[in-house]
Amino acid sequence: VGVFYPTFEYGLNRTIAPIVVTETEDAGCLLSEAVSSQLGILKMDSYVNAITSDEKIESLTDEFQSIFRGIGKLKGYKMKLDIDDTVKPCIQPSRTIPYHK
């Protein structure tokens, strides 16, 4: 239907961003990731805990040999699946992940 540009404020942070007005009730998020970051509502850190040293990986695999051995079979647990034979099997399509920017 239209677009307007309000000023958003959160704490001491302020930014101007477009708001798209639609007739749809389920149009999506009001604030994008960029606006949320600018306001300080959303803080994304690029730091990830990762092991980059081969020596560190080797020391962990040596210390926990029982975990890093074999094909990963879960032993000592029996699972029962209740399957309704009257239901025709079908393949569900992959779900799309909404991303607003």
Foldseek 3Di string as FASTA:
>chain_A
DDKDWDWDADDPFIDIDIAGDDPDPPPDDRDAPVRCVRRVVDDDDPDDDDDDDPVVVVVVCVVPVVCVDDDPDDPPDDDDDDDDPVDDDDDDDDDDDDHGD
